[in-house]
């Protein structure tokens, strides 16, 4: 199952820790938005880690939304996403 993950964290240190953690677990769509493809148990582990990484942050905002296959197939986007591969031809 796919999960859309997002955050809004004012503190630079906590924000950097969360971004680095999520970069190892999910596909970065925008600076603070990720798409994770995994099990519900893995999603629970990510939620627990995000809470632990941000527990000292006042005003943190975290979200994780499950997406069924039909919903993820209907994702609409325009432009290049943050981690989309760029193709270079070297001759």
PDB file of N, CA and C in Angstrom:
ATOM      1  N   UNK A   1       0.839  -1.166   0.000  1.00  0.00           N
ATOM      2  CA  UNK A   1       0.000   0.000   0.000  1.00  0.00           C
ATOM      3  C   UNK A   1       0.891   1.240   0.000  1.00  0.00           C
ATOM      4  N   UNK A   2       0.412   2.274  -0.632  1.00  0.00           N
ATOM      5  CA  UNK A   2       1.156   3.532  -0.663  1.00  0.00           C
ATOM      6  C   UNK A   2       0.625   4.470   0.427  1.00  0.00           C
ATOM      7  N   UNK A   3       1.535   5.294   0.953  1.00  0.00           N
ATOM      8  CA  UNK A   3       1.195   6.269   1.978  1.00  0.00           C
ATOM      9  C   UNK A   3       1.809   7.601   1.583  1.00  0.00           C
ATOM     10  N   UNK A   4       1.031   8.648   1.655  1.00  0.00           N
ATOM     11  CA  UNK A   4       1.519   9.995   1.435  1.00  0.00           C
ATOM     12  C   UNK A   4       1.918  10.550   2.786  1.00  0.00           C
ATOM     13  N   UNK A   5       3.147  11.044   2.889  1.00  0.00           N
ATOM     14  CA  UNK A   5       3.696  11.544   4.156  1.00  0.00           C
ATOM     15  C   UNK A   5       4.106  13.000   3.963  1.00  0.00           C
ATOM     16  N   UNK A   6       3.753  13.823   4.921  1.00  0.00           N
ATOM     17  CA  UNK A   6       4.149  15.224   4.851  1.00  0.00           C
ATOM     18  C   UNK A   6       4.445  15.767   6.234  1.00  0.00           C
ATOM     19  N   UNK A   7       5.157  16.881   6.265  1.00  0.00           N
ATOM     20  CA  UNK A   7       5.482  17.499   7.552  1.00  0.00           C
ATOM     21  C   UNK A   7       5.680  18.988   7.385  1.00  0.00           C
ATOM     22  N   UNK A   8       5.524  19.685   8.484  1.00  0.00           N
ATOM     23  CA  UNK A   8       5.838  21.110   8.590  1.00  0.00           C
ATOM     24  C   UNK A   8       6.507  21.265   9.944  1.00  0.00           C
ATOM     25  N   UNK A   9       7.805  21.505   9.934  1.00  0.00           N
ATOM     26  CA  UNK A   9       8.591  21.570  11.157  1.00  0.00           C
ATOM     27  C   UNK A   9       9.458  22.821  11.100  1.00  0.00           C
ATOM     28  N   UNK A  10       9.295  23.694  12.077  1.00  0.00           N
ATOM     29  CA  UNK A  10      10.017  24.968  12.077  1.00  0.00           C
ATOM     30  C   UNK A  10      11.506  24.812  12.392  1.00  0.00           C
ATOM     31  N   UNK A  11      11.841  23.936  13.315  1.00  0.00           N
ATOM     32  CA  UNK A  11      13.232  23.782  13.744  1.00  0.00           C
ATOM     33  C   UNK A  11      14.099  23.123  12.679  1.00  0.00           C
ATOM     34  N   UNK A  12      15.189  23.781  12.316  1.00  0.00           N
ATOM     35  CA  UNK A  12      16.070  23.267  11.265  1.00  0.00           C
ATOM     36  C   UNK A  12      16.634  21.887  11.580  1.00  0.00           C
ATOM     37  N   UNK A  13      17.062  21.690  12.811  1.00  0.00           N
ATOM     38  CA  UNK A  13      17.695  20.420  13.175  1.00  0.00           C
ATOM     39  C   UNK A  13      16.705  19.254  13.074  1.00  0.00           C
ATOM     40  N   UNK A  14      15.535  19.424  13.658  1.00  0.00           N
ATOM     41  CA  UNK A  14      14.520  18.355  13.603  1.00  0.00           C
ATOM     42  C   UNK A  14      14.056  18.133  12.172  1.00  0.00           C
ATOM     43  N   UNK A  15      13.858  19.203  11.437  1.00  0.00           N
ATOM     44  CA  UNK A  15      13.426  19.091  10.035  1.00  0.00           C
ATOM     45  C   UNK A  15      14.455  18.326   9.215  1.00  0.00           C
ATOM     46  N   UNK A  16      15.715  18.595   9.435  1.00  0.00           N
ATOM     47  CA  UNK A  16      16.785  17.891   8.717  1.00  0.00           C
ATOM     48  C   UNK A  16      16.820  16.408   9.078  1.00  0.00           C
ATOM     49  N   UNK A  17      16.629  16.109  10.364  1.00  0.00           N
ATOM     50  CA  UNK A  17      16.611  14.699  10.799  1.00  0.00           C
ATOM     51  C   UNK A  17      15.445  13.951  10.159  1.00  0.00           C
ATOM     52  N   UNK A  18      14.276  14.576  10.131  1.00  0.00           N
ATOM     53  CA  UNK A  18      13.104  13.943   9.527  1.00  0.00           C
ATOM     54  C   UNK A  18      13.321  13.730   8.032  1.00  0.00           C
ATOM     55  N   UNK A  19      13.834  14.739   7.348  1.00  0.00           N
ATOM     56  CA  UNK A  19      14.067  14.621   5.906  1.00  0.00           C
ATOM     57  C   UNK A  19      15.058  13.502   5.607  1.00  0.00           C
ATOM     58  N   UNK A  20      16.145  13.450   6.340  1.00  0.00           N
ATOM     59  CA  UNK A  20      17.158  12.408   6.130  1.00  0.00           C
ATOM     60  C   UNK A  20      16.572  11.025   6.403  1.00  0.00           C
ATOM     61  N   UNK A  21      15.793  10.895   7.453  1.00  0.00           N
ATOM     62  CA  UNK A  21      15.160   9.615   7.775  1.00  0.00           C
ATOM     63  C   UNK A  21      14.226   9.186   6.636  1.00  0.00           C
ATOM     64  N   UNK A  22      13.364  10.091   6.207  1.00  0.00           N
ATOM     65  CA  UNK A  22      12.402   9.745   5.166  1.00  0.00           C
ATOM     66  C   UNK A  22      13.067   9.485   3.814  1.00  0.00           C
ATOM     67  N   UNK A  23      14.166  10.160   3.530  1.00  0.00           N
ATOM     68  CA  UNK A  23      14.879   9.901   2.276  1.00  0.00           C
ATOM     69  C   UNK A  23      15.346   8.449   2.186  1.00  0.00           C
ATOM     70  N   UNK A  24      15.593   7.820   3.319  1.00  0.00           N
ATOM     71  CA  UNK A  24      16.001   6.423   3.340  1.00  0.00           C
ATOM     72  C   UNK A  24      14.832   5.453   3.294  1.00  0.00           C
ATOM     73  N   UNK A  25      13.610   5.956   3.433  1.00  0.00           N
ATOM     74  CA  UNK A  25      12.434   5.090   3.495  1.00  0.00           C
ATOM     75  C   UNK A  25      11.442   5.305   2.359  1.00  0.00           C
ATOM     76  N   UNK A  26      11.424   6.498   1.785  1.00  0.00           N
ATOM     77  CA  UNK A  26      10.353   6.864   0.858  1.00  0.00           C
ATOM     78  C   UNK A  26      10.895   7.675  -0.317  1.00  0.00           C
ATOM     79  N   UNK A  27      10.030   7.908  -1.276  1.00  0.00           N
ATOM     80  CA  UNK A  27      10.337   8.674  -2.478  1.00  0.00           C
ATOM     81  C   UNK A  27       9.940  10.123  -2.240  1.00  0.00           C
ATOM     82  N   UNK A  28      10.895  11.029  -2.396  1.00  0.00           N
ATOM     83  CA  UNK A  28      10.620  12.439  -2.131  1.00  0.00           C
ATOM     84  C   UNK A  28       9.918  13.064  -3.334  1.00  0.00           C
ATOM     85  N   UNK A  29       8.739  13.629  -3.081  1.00  0.00           N
ATOM     86  CA  UNK A  29       7.968  14.282  -4.138  1.00  0.00           C
ATOM     87  C   UNK A  29       8.238  15.782  -4.133  1.00  0.00           C
ATOM     88  N   UNK A  30       8.174  16.385  -2.969  1.00  0.00           N
ATOM     89  CA  UNK A  30       8.492  17.797  -2.776  1.00  0.00           C
ATOM     90  C   UNK A  30       9.365  17.876  -1.525  1.00  0.00           C
ATOM     91  N   UNK A  31       9.784  19.069  -1.145  1.00  0.00           N
ATOM     92  CA  UNK A  31      10.699  19.177  -0.020  1.00  0.00           C
ATOM     93  C   UNK A  31      10.164  18.531   1.249  1.00  0.00           C
ATOM     94  N   UNK A  32       8.888  18.662   1.537  1.00  0.00           N
ATOM     95  CA  UNK A  32       8.351  18.089   2.769  1.00  0.00           C
ATOM     96  C   UNK A  32       7.233  17.082   2.510  1.00  0.00           C
ATOM     97  N   UNK A  33       7.212  16.500   1.323  1.00  0.00           N
ATOM     98  CA  UNK A  33       6.190  15.518   0.961  1.00  0.00           C
ATOM     99  C   UNK A  33       6.865  14.288   0.368  1.00  0.00           C
ATOM    100  N   UNK A  34       6.507  13.120   0.898  1.00  0.00           N
ATOM    101  CA  UNK A  34       7.102  11.857   0.465  1.00  0.00           C
ATOM    102  C   UNK A  34       6.003  10.853   0.136  1.00  0.00           C
ATOM    103  N   UNK A  35       6.343   9.881  -0.703  1.00  0.00           N
ATOM    104  CA  UNK A  35       5.448   8.776  -1.010  1.00  0.00           C
ATOM    105  C   UNK A  35       6.151   7.492  -0.597  1.00  0.00           C
ATOM    106  N   UNK A  36       5.511   6.753   0.305  1.00  0.00           N
ATOM    107  CA  UNK A  36       6.069   5.509   0.829  1.00  0.00           C
ATOM    108  C   UNK A  36       5.247   4.347   0.305  1.00  0.00           C
ATOM    109  N   UNK A  37       5.903   3.293  -0.139  1.00  0.00           N
ATOM    110  CA  UNK A  37       5.224   2.092  -0.611  1.00  0.00           C
ATOM    111  C   UNK A  37       5.664   0.943   0.279  1.00  0.00           C
ATOM    112  N   UNK A  38       4.759   0.442   1.108  1.00  0.00           N
ATOM    113  CA  UNK A  38       5.117  -0.628   2.033  1.00  0.00           C
ATOM    114  C   UNK A  38       3.902  -1.152   2.773  1.00  0.00           C
ATOM    115  N   UNK A  39       4.169  -1.864   3.828  1.00  0.00           N
ATOM    116  CA  UNK A  39       3.096  -2.487   4.609  1.00  0.00           C
ATOM    117  C   UNK A  39       2.589  -1.531   5.685  1.00  0.00           C
ATOM    118  N   UNK A  40       1.446  -1.863   6.242  1.00  0.00           N
ATOM    119  CA  UNK A  40       0.888  -1.074   7.345  1.00  0.00           C
ATOM    120  C   UNK A  40       1.835  -1.109   8.547  1.00  0.00           C
ATOM    121  N   UNK A  41       2.460  -2.249   8.783  1.00  0.00           N
ATOM    122  CA  UNK A  41       3.409  -2.361   9.902  1.00  0.00           C
ATOM    123  C   UNK A  41       4.606  -1.427   9.692  1.00  0.00           C
ATOM    124  N   UNK A  42       5.138  -1.379   8.485  1.00  0.00           N
ATOM    125  CA  UNK A  42       6.245  -0.461   8.190  1.00  0.00           C
ATOM    126  C   UNK A  42       5.804   0.990   8.353  1.00  0.00           C
ATOM    127  N   UNK A  43       4.575   1.292   7.953  1.00  0.00           N
ATOM    128  CA  UNK A  43       4.045   2.648   8.116  1.00  0.00           C
ATOM    129  C   UNK A  43       3.941   3.006   9.595  1.00  0.00           C
ATOM    130  N   UNK A  44       3.543   2.058  10.430  1.00  0.00           N
ATOM    131  CA  UNK A  44       3.477   2.292  11.879  1.00  0.00           C
ATOM    132  C   UNK A  44       4.869   2.581  12.435  1.00  0.00           C
ATOM    133  N   UNK A  45       5.878   1.870  11.944  1.00  0.00           N
ATOM    134  CA  UNK A  45       7.257   2.105  12.387  1.00  0.00           C
ATOM    135  C   UNK A  45       7.719   3.503  11.982  1.00  0.00           C
ATOM    136  N   UNK A  46       7.350   3.928  10.789  1.00  0.00           N
ATOM    137  CA  UNK A  46       7.709   5.277  10.329  1.00  0.00           C
ATOM    138  C   UNK A  46       7.024   6.317  11.199  1.00  0.00           C
ATOM    139  N   UNK A  47       5.749   6.128  11.489  1.00  0.00           N
ATOM    140  CA  UNK A  47       5.025   7.080  12.359  1.00  0.00           C
ATOM    141  C   UNK A  47       5.702   7.187  13.722  1.00  0.00           C
ATOM    142  N   UNK A  48       6.075   6.053  14.300  1.00  0.00           N
ATOM    143  CA  UNK A  48       6.742   6.062  15.606  1.00  0.00           C
ATOM    144  C   UNK A  48       8.076   6.806  15.518  1.00  0.00           C
ATOM    145  N   UNK A  49       8.829   6.573  14.457  1.00  0.00           N
ATOM    146  CA  UNK A  49      10.121   7.248  14.289  1.00  0.00           C
ATOM    147  C   UNK A  49       9.930   8.749  14.113  1.00  0.00           C
ATOM    148  N   UNK A  50       8.932   9.154  13.346  1.00  0.00           N
ATOM    149  CA  UNK A  50       8.682  10.591  13.140  1.00  0.00           C
ATOM    150  C   UNK A  50       8.307  11.266  14.454  1.00  0.00           C
ATOM    151  N   UNK A  51       7.496  10.591  15.258  1.00  0.00           N
ATOM    152  CA  UNK A  51       7.143  11.154  16.566  1.00  0.00           C
ATOM    153  C   UNK A  51       8.374  11.280  17.451  1.00  0.00           C
ATOM    154  N   UNK A  52       9.228  10.266  17.444  1.00  0.00           N
ATOM    155  CA  UNK A  52      10.445  10.298  18.262  1.00  0.00           C
ATOM    156  C   UNK A  52      11.396  11.397  17.789  1.00  0.00           C
ATOM    157  N   UNK A  53      11.534  11.564  16.489  1.00  0.00           N
ATOM    158  CA  UNK A  53      12.447  12.568  15.940  1.00  0.00           C
ATOM    159  C   UNK A  53      11.973  13.996  16.201  1.00  0.00           C
ATOM    160  N   UNK A  54      10.674  14.163  16.422  1.00  0.00           N
ATOM    161  CA  UNK A  54      10.122  15.520  16.558  1.00  0.00           C
ATOM    162  C   UNK A  54       9.476  15.783  17.912  1.00  0.00           C
ATOM    163  N   UNK A  55       9.685  14.908  18.886  1.00  0.00           N
ATOM    164  CA  UNK A  55       8.973  15.041  20.156  1.00  0.00           C
ATOM    165  C   UNK A  55       9.253  16.358  20.880  1.00  0.00           C
ATOM    166  N   UNK A  56      10.409  16.944  20.682  1.00  0.00           N
ATOM    167  CA  UNK A  56      10.743  18.194  21.368  1.00  0.00           C
ATOM    168  C   UNK A  56      10.302  19.436  20.583  1.00  0.00           C
ATOM    169  N   UNK A  57       9.738  19.257  19.407  1.00  0.00           N
ATOM    170  CA  UNK A  57       9.368  20.379  18.550  1.00  0.00           C
ATOM    171  C   UNK A  57       7.961  20.881  18.872  1.00  0.00           C
ATOM    172  N   UNK A  58       7.869  22.160  19.194  1.00  0.00           N
ATOM    173  CA  UNK A  58       6.563  22.771  19.384  1.00  0.00           C
ATOM    174  C   UNK A  58       6.004  23.125  18.014  1.00  0.00           C
ATOM    175  N   UNK A  59       4.737  22.922  17.834  1.00  0.00           N
ATOM    176  CA  UNK A  59       4.094  23.312  16.589  1.00  0.00           C
ATOM    177  C   UNK A  59       4.413  22.425  15.408  1.00  0.00           C
ATOM    178  N   UNK A  60       4.904  21.224  15.659  1.00  0.00           N
ATOM    179  CA  UNK A  60       5.173  20.321  14.545  1.00  0.00           C
ATOM    180  C   UNK A  60       3.857  19.890  13.912  1.00  0.00           C
ATOM    181  N   UNK A  61       3.899  19.619  12.637  1.00  0.00           N
ATOM    182  CA  UNK A  61       2.739  19.084  11.930  1.00  0.00           C
ATOM    183  C   UNK A  61       3.225  17.914  11.084  1.00  0.00           C
ATOM    184  N   UNK A  62       2.664  16.742  11.340  1.00  0.00           N
ATOM    185  CA  UNK A  62       3.024  15.525  10.614  1.00  0.00           C
ATOM    186  C   UNK A  62       1.748  14.909  10.076  1.00  0.00           C
ATOM    187  N   UNK A  63       1.808  14.328   8.885  1.00  0.00           N
ATOM    188  CA  UNK A  63       0.656  13.559   8.430  1.00  0.00           C
ATOM    189  C   UNK A  63       1.105  12.383   7.588  1.00  0.00           C
ATOM    190  N   UNK A  64       0.288  11.336   7.612  1.00  0.00           N
ATOM    191  CA  UNK A  64       0.497  10.157   6.783  1.00  0.00           C
ATOM    192  C   UNK A  64      -0.892   9.701   6.344  1.00  0.00           C
ATOM    193  N   UNK A  65      -1.108   9.636   5.038  1.00  0.00           N
ATOM    194  CA  UNK A  65      -2.410   9.249   4.504  1.00  0.00           C
ATOM    195  C   UNK A  65      -2.263   8.002   3.644  1.00  0.00           C
ATOM    196  N   UNK A  66      -3.021   6.940   3.966  1.00  0.00           N
ATOM    197  CA  UNK A  66      -2.966   5.742   3.125  1.00  0.00           C
ATOM    198  C   UNK A  66      -3.637   6.004   1.785  1.00  0.00           C
ATOM    199  N   UNK A  67      -3.114   5.359   0.764  1.00  0.00           N
ATOM    200  CA  UNK A  67      -3.670   5.504  -0.588  1.00  0.00           C
ATOM    201  C   UNK A  67      -3.887   4.116  -1.180  1.00  0.00           C
ATOM    202  N   UNK A  68      -5.126   3.811  -1.531  1.00  0.00           N
ATOM    203  CA  UNK A  68      -5.399   2.527  -2.172  1.00  0.00           C
ATOM    204  C   UNK A  68      -4.826   2.561  -3.589  1.00  0.00           C
ATOM    205  N   UNK A  69      -4.757   1.418  -4.229  1.00  0.00           N
ATOM    206  CA  UNK A  69      -4.198   1.338  -5.589  1.00  0.00           C
ATOM    207  C   UNK A  69      -4.970   2.222  -6.563  1.00  0.00           C
ATOM    208  N   UNK A  70      -6.297   2.236  -6.442  1.00  0.00           N
ATOM    209  CA  UNK A  70      -7.106   3.065  -7.344  1.00  0.00           C
ATOM    210  C   UNK A  70      -6.781   4.543  -7.153  1.00  0.00           C
ATOM    211  N   UNK A  71      -6.594   4.958  -5.901  1.00  0.00           N
ATOM    212  CA  UNK A  71      -6.256   6.362  -5.631  1.00  0.00           C
ATOM    213  C   UNK A  71      -4.858   6.705  -6.126  1.00  0.00           C
ATOM    214  N   UNK A  72      -3.892   5.840  -5.865  1.00  0.00           N
ATOM    215  CA  UNK A  72      -2.524   6.141  -6.290  1.00  0.00           C
ATOM    216  C   UNK A  72      -2.408   6.148  -7.813  1.00  0.00           C
ATOM    217  N   UNK A  73      -3.245   5.375  -8.494  1.00  0.00           N
ATOM    218  CA  UNK A  73      -3.229   5.376  -9.957  1.00  0.00           C
ATOM    219  C   UNK A  73      -3.792   6.680 -10.521  1.00  0.00           C
ATOM    220  N   UNK A  74      -4.548   7.407  -9.702  1.00  0.00           N
ATOM    221  CA  UNK A  74      -5.171   8.654 -10.155  1.00  0.00           C
ATOM    222  C   UNK A  74      -4.384   9.897  -9.744  1.00  0.00           C
ATOM    223  N   UNK A  75      -3.172   9.726  -9.239  1.00  0.00           N
ATOM    224  CA  UNK A  75      -2.362  10.875  -8.847  1.00  0.00           C
ATOM    225  C   UNK A  75      -2.121  11.758 -10.068  1.00  0.00           C
ATOM    226  N   UNK A  76      -2.367  13.021  -9.890  1.00  0.00           N
ATOM    227  CA  UNK A  76      -2.172  13.993 -10.954  1.00  0.00           C
ATOM    228  C   UNK A  76      -0.962  14.837 -10.607  1.00  0.00           C
ATOM    229  N   UNK A  77      -0.086  15.062 -11.576  1.00  0.00           N
ATOM    230  CA  UNK A  77       1.079  15.902 -11.320  1.00  0.00           C
ATOM    231  C   UNK A  77       1.453  16.651 -12.586  1.00  0.00           C
ATOM    232  N   UNK A  78       2.050  17.791 -12.380  1.00  0.00           N
ATOM    233  CA  UNK A  78       2.561  18.615 -13.470  1.00  0.00           C
ATOM    234  C   UNK A  78       3.959  19.031 -13.071  1.00  0.00           C
ATOM    235  N   UNK A  79       4.898  18.925 -13.978  1.00  0.00           N
ATOM    236  CA  UNK A  79       6.270  19.313 -13.683  1.00  0.00           C
ATOM    237  C   UNK A  79       7.076  18.149 -13.153  1.00  0.00           C
ATOM    238  N   UNK A  80       8.319  18.428 -12.873  1.00  0.00           N
ATOM    239  CA  UNK A  80       9.256  17.410 -12.410  1.00  0.00           C
ATOM    240  C   UNK A  80       9.189  17.307 -10.897  1.00  0.00           C
ATOM    241  N   UNK A  81       8.999  16.101 -10.402  1.00  0.00           N
ATOM    242  CA  UNK A  81       8.994  15.880  -8.964  1.00  0.00           C
ATOM    243  C   UNK A  81      10.436  15.926  -8.451  1.00  0.00           C
ATOM    244  N   UNK A  82      10.613  16.124  -7.172  1.00  0.00           N
ATOM    245  CA  UNK A  82      11.929  16.338  -6.567  1.00  0.00           C
ATOM    246  C   UNK A  82      12.950  15.255  -6.909  1.00  0.00           C
ATOM    247  N   UNK A  83      12.579  13.985  -6.847  1.00  0.00           N
ATOM    248  CA  UNK A  83      13.551  12.906  -7.057  1.00  0.00           C
ATOM    249  C   UNK A  83      13.388  12.179  -8.376  1.00  0.00           C
ATOM    250  N   UNK A  84      12.668  12.747  -9.314  1.00  0.00           N
ATOM    251  CA  UNK A  84      12.556  12.071 -10.602  1.00  0.00           C
ATOM    252  C   UNK A  84      13.924  12.055 -11.276  1.00  0.00           C
ATOM    253  N   UNK A  85      14.199  10.941 -11.872  1.00  0.00           N
ATOM    254  CA  UNK A  85      15.500  10.772 -12.512  1.00  0.00           C
ATOM    255  C   UNK A  85      15.646  11.714 -13.706  1.00  0.00           C
ATOM    256  N   UNK A  86      16.822  12.245 -13.828  1.00  0.00           N
ATOM    257  CA  UNK A  86      17.154  13.025 -15.011  1.00  0.00           C
ATOM    258  C   UNK A  86      17.999  12.158 -15.917  1.00  0.00           C
ATOM    259  N   UNK A  87      17.739  12.199 -17.200  1.00  0.00           N
ATOM    260  CA  UNK A  87      18.469  11.368 -18.139  1.00  0.00           C
ATOM    261  C   UNK A  87      19.477  12.240 -18.866  1.00  0.00           C
ATOM    262  N   UNK A  88      20.717  11.786 -18.864  1.00  0.00           N
ATOM    263  CA  UNK A  88      21.781  12.483 -19.571  1.00  0.00           C
ATOM    264  C   UNK A  88      22.365  11.517 -20.602  1.00  0.00           C
ATOM    265  N   UNK A  89      22.602  12.025 -21.798  1.00  0.00           N
ATOM    266  CA  UNK A  89      23.233  11.215 -22.842  1.00  0.00           C
ATOM    267  C   UNK A  89      24.634  11.751 -23.047  1.00  0.00           C
ATOM    268  N   UNK A  90      25.606  10.894 -22.845  1.00  0.00           N
ATOM    269  CA  UNK A  90      27.004  11.279 -23.027  1.00  0.00           C
ATOM    270  C   UNK A  90      27.517  10.570 -24.267  1.00  0.00           C
ATOM    271  N   UNK A  91      28.011  11.356 -25.205  1.00  0.00           N
ATOM    272  CA  UNK A  91      28.495  10.760 -26.453  1.00  0.00           C
ATOM    273  C   UNK A  91      29.999  10.923 -26.571  1.00  0.00           C
TER     274      UNK A  91
END
